[in-house]
Amino acid sequence: MYKRLTASRFSVALIAGLGAMLCITVLSGLSTTVESFVWLMAPFGATMVILFGLPESPLAQPRNIVMGHVLTTAIGLSVASVISVSPWSLGLAVGLAVGLMLLTDTTHPPAGANPLVVMLAGEQWDFLFMPVTAGTVLIVVFGVIYHRLISGHDYPKRWF
């Protein structure tokens, strides 16, 4: 049931946790340094699990991270623009987002929360660019540098 804690498992977990910590720290620092822009959103925390814990996964590849977040945010903003926010429209937006990620081969599970984030927070279209697009691009760049210089993972396996 439980995997035995070995030095190897411990170091992998430590390196993944360090990468996630540093990436979120950089995004958070940018949010406080450049106060006119928001660089963080909650689903980015879940992206850290996949990017730093499972970098070989298809779900962790740049195309999936960037396009998964961008497409699902656009779906949430579109549904909110056309239909008022309600239980039905929230479900519709998440369903459309999941379907679109699967159809475009850009599945990234943390991005499934984006329609809920934008609709419940009342975000506007500028949210698509900042923090979503800019944040995901920065996350991918950080991931490439971190994995190549620190973790030793060959990341990414594929770009776009």
Protein backbone atom coordinates (compact mmCIF):
# COMPACT_ATOMS: atom_id res chain seq x y z
CA MET A 1 0.00 0.00 0.00
CA TYR A 2 2.58 2.58 1.05
CA LYS A 3 5.89 2.89 -0.70
CA ARG A 4 8.87 2.63 1.57
CA LEU A 5 10.63 5.95 2.11
CA THR A 6 14.05 5.67 0.55
CA ALA A 7 16.79 8.24 0.18
CA SER A 8 16.02 8.38 -3.54
CA ARG A 9 12.29 9.01 -3.02
CA PHE A 10 13.10 11.60 -0.38
CA SER A 11 15.48 13.49 -2.68
CA VAL A 12 13.00 13.40 -5.59
CA ALA A 13 10.29 14.79 -3.33
CA LEU A 14 12.62 17.42 -1.91
CA ILE A 15 13.74 18.57 -5.36
CA ALA A 16 10.14 18.71 -6.64
CA GLY A 17 9.00 20.63 -3.58
CA LEU A 18 11.89 23.06 -3.92
CA GLY A 19 11.01 23.72 -7.57
CA ALA A 20 7.37 24.36 -6.73
CA MET A 21 8.33 26.62 -3.84
CA LEU A 22 10.75 28.67 -5.93
CA CYS A 23 8.36 29.04 -8.88
CA ILE A 24 5.43 30.20 -6.74
CA THR A 25 7.78 32.49 -4.80
CA VAL A 26 8.90 34.13 -8.06
CA LEU A 27 5.29 34.59 -9.24
CA SER A 28 4.26 35.94 -5.85
CA GLY A 29 7.25 38.25 -5.75
CA LEU A 30 6.34 39.62 -9.16
CA SER A 31 2.82 40.30 -7.88
CA THR A 32 4.17 42.43 -5.04
CA THR A 33 6.94 44.08 -7.10
CA VAL A 34 4.80 44.96 -10.11
CA GLU A 35 1.63 45.86 -8.20
CA SER A 36 -0.42 46.65 -11.29
CA PHE A 37 -0.33 42.98 -12.34
CA VAL A 38 -1.49 39.77 -10.71
CA TRP A 39 0.78 36.81 -11.47
CA LEU A 40 -0.89 34.13 -9.34
CA MET A 41 -4.10 32.17 -9.33
CA ALA A 42 -5.00 29.12 -7.26
CA PRO A 43 -4.83 26.52 -10.09
CA PHE A 44 -1.13 27.35 -10.52
CA GLY A 45 -0.51 25.56 -7.21
CA ALA A 46 -1.88 22.35 -8.71
CA THR A 47 0.19 22.94 -11.85
CA MET A 48 3.28 22.84 -9.61
CA VAL A 49 2.45 19.27 -8.56
CA ILE A 50 2.42 18.08 -12.15
CA LEU A 51 5.30 20.20 -13.48
CA PHE A 52 7.76 19.48 -10.69
CA GLY A 53 6.49 16.11 -9.44
CA LEU A 54 5.70 14.46 -12.78
CA PRO A 55 7.72 16.33 -15.43
CA GLU A 56 7.67 13.40 -17.89
CA SER A 57 3.86 13.30 -17.88
CA PRO A 58 2.08 14.46 -21.03
CA LEU A 59 0.00 16.65 -18.68
CA ALA A 60 3.17 18.55 -17.65
CA GLN A 61 4.32 19.49 -21.14
CA PRO A 62 4.38 23.17 -22.18
CA ARG A 63 1.53 22.83 -24.68
CA ASN A 64 -0.71 21.32 -22.01
CA ILE A 65 0.20 23.81 -19.31
CA VAL A 66 -0.13 26.96 -21.43
CA MET A 67 -2.96 26.00 -23.75
CA GLY A 68 -4.89 24.09 -21.08
CA HIS A 69 -4.98 27.18 -18.86
CA VAL A 70 -5.63 29.62 -21.73
CA LEU A 71 -8.44 27.62 -23.34
CA THR A 72 -10.29 26.88 -20.12
CA THR A 73 -10.02 30.47 -18.93
CA ALA A 74 -11.39 31.66 -22.28
CA ILE A 75 -14.29 29.23 -21.92
CA GLY A 76 -15.10 30.53 -18.44
CA LEU A 77 -14.94 34.15 -19.59
CA SER A 78 -17.07 33.39 -22.66
CA VAL A 79 -19.78 31.58 -20.73
CA ALA A 80 -19.84 34.34 -18.10
CA SER A 81 -20.15 36.95 -20.87
CA VAL A 82 -23.06 35.21 -22.58
CA ILE A 83 -24.88 33.63 -19.63
CA SER A 84 -25.06 34.91 -16.07
CA VAL A 85 -23.24 32.91 -13.43
CA SER A 86 -25.43 30.14 -12.06
CA PRO A 87 -25.01 26.51 -11.08
CA TRP A 88 -25.98 25.53 -14.63
CA SER A 89 -23.53 27.93 -16.33
CA LEU A 90 -20.70 26.90 -13.98
CA GLY A 91 -21.29 23.26 -14.89
CA LEU A 92 -21.58 24.11 -18.57
CA ALA A 93 -18.29 26.03 -18.54
CA VAL A 94 -16.37 23.25 -16.79
CA GLY A 95 -17.87 20.63 -19.11
CA LEU A 96 -16.98 22.66 -22.20
CA ALA A 97 -13.46 23.27 -20.84
CA VAL A 98 -12.85 19.57 -20.20
CA GLY A 99 -14.19 18.65 -23.63
CA LEU A 100 -12.11 21.30 -25.39
CA MET A 101 -8.90 20.22 -23.63
CA LEU A 102 -9.55 16.61 -24.67
CA LEU A 103 -10.37 17.57 -28.27
CA THR A 104 -7.26 19.74 -28.63
CA ASP A 105 -4.90 17.34 -26.80
CA THR A 106 -4.12 20.03 -24.23
CA THR A 107 -5.37 18.27 -21.11
CA HIS A 108 -4.00 19.81 -17.93
CA PRO A 109 -6.17 18.88 -14.91
CA PRO A 110 -5.45 22.02 -12.84
CA ALA A 111 -6.87 24.10 -15.70
CA GLY A 112 -10.26 22.46 -15.16
CA ALA A 113 -10.73 24.85 -12.24
CA ASN A 114 -10.21 27.98 -14.33
CA PRO A 115 -13.83 28.46 -15.45
CA LEU A 116 -14.89 28.35 -11.80
CA VAL A 117 -12.14 30.78 -10.79
CA VAL A 118 -13.00 33.39 -13.41
CA MET A 119 -16.75 33.05 -13.12
CA LEU A 120 -16.96 33.07 -9.32
CA ALA A 121 -14.44 35.91 -8.98
CA GLY A 122 -16.10 37.97 -11.72
CA GLU A 123 -12.85 38.29 -13.69
CA GLN A 124 -12.68 40.22 -16.96
CA TRP A 125 -10.95 39.42 -20.26
CA ASP A 126 -7.64 40.98 -19.16
CA PHE A 127 -7.33 38.05 -16.71
CA LEU A 128 -6.72 35.83 -19.74
CA PHE A 129 -3.47 37.67 -20.43
CA MET A 130 -2.41 38.43 -16.87
CA PRO A 131 -2.05 36.15 -14.91
CA VAL A 132 -3.07 33.25 -17.15
CA THR A 133 -1.00 33.56 -20.34
CA ALA A 134 1.93 35.46 -18.86
CA GLY A 135 1.94 33.28 -15.74
CA THR A 136 1.85 29.97 -17.59
CA VAL A 137 4.61 31.04 -19.97
CA LEU A 138 6.75 32.07 -17.00
CA ILE A 139 5.95 28.79 -15.24
CA VAL A 140 7.09 26.79 -18.28
CA VAL A 141 10.29 28.84 -18.68
CA PHE A 142 11.02 28.40 -14.97
CA GLY A 143 10.32 24.66 -15.27
CA VAL A 144 12.68 24.25 -18.22
CA ILE A 145 15.51 26.07 -16.44
CA TYR A 146 14.89 24.31 -13.11
CA HIS A 147 14.71 20.82 -14.56
CA ARG A 148 17.74 21.26 -16.78
CA LEU A 149 19.94 22.88 -14.13
CA ILE A 150 18.74 21.41 -10.83
CA SER A 151 16.50 18.34 -11.06
CA GLY A 152 18.28 16.68 -13.96
CA HIS A 153 15.02 15.83 -15.74
CA ASP A 154 14.94 16.07 -19.49
CA TYR A 155 12.11 18.60 -19.64
CA PRO A 156 10.16 19.14 -21.76
CA LYS A 157 9.58 15.90 -23.60
CA ARG A 158 7.76 17.89 -26.27
CA TRP A 159 7.07 21.57 -26.75
CA PHE A 160 4.01 22.42 -28.80
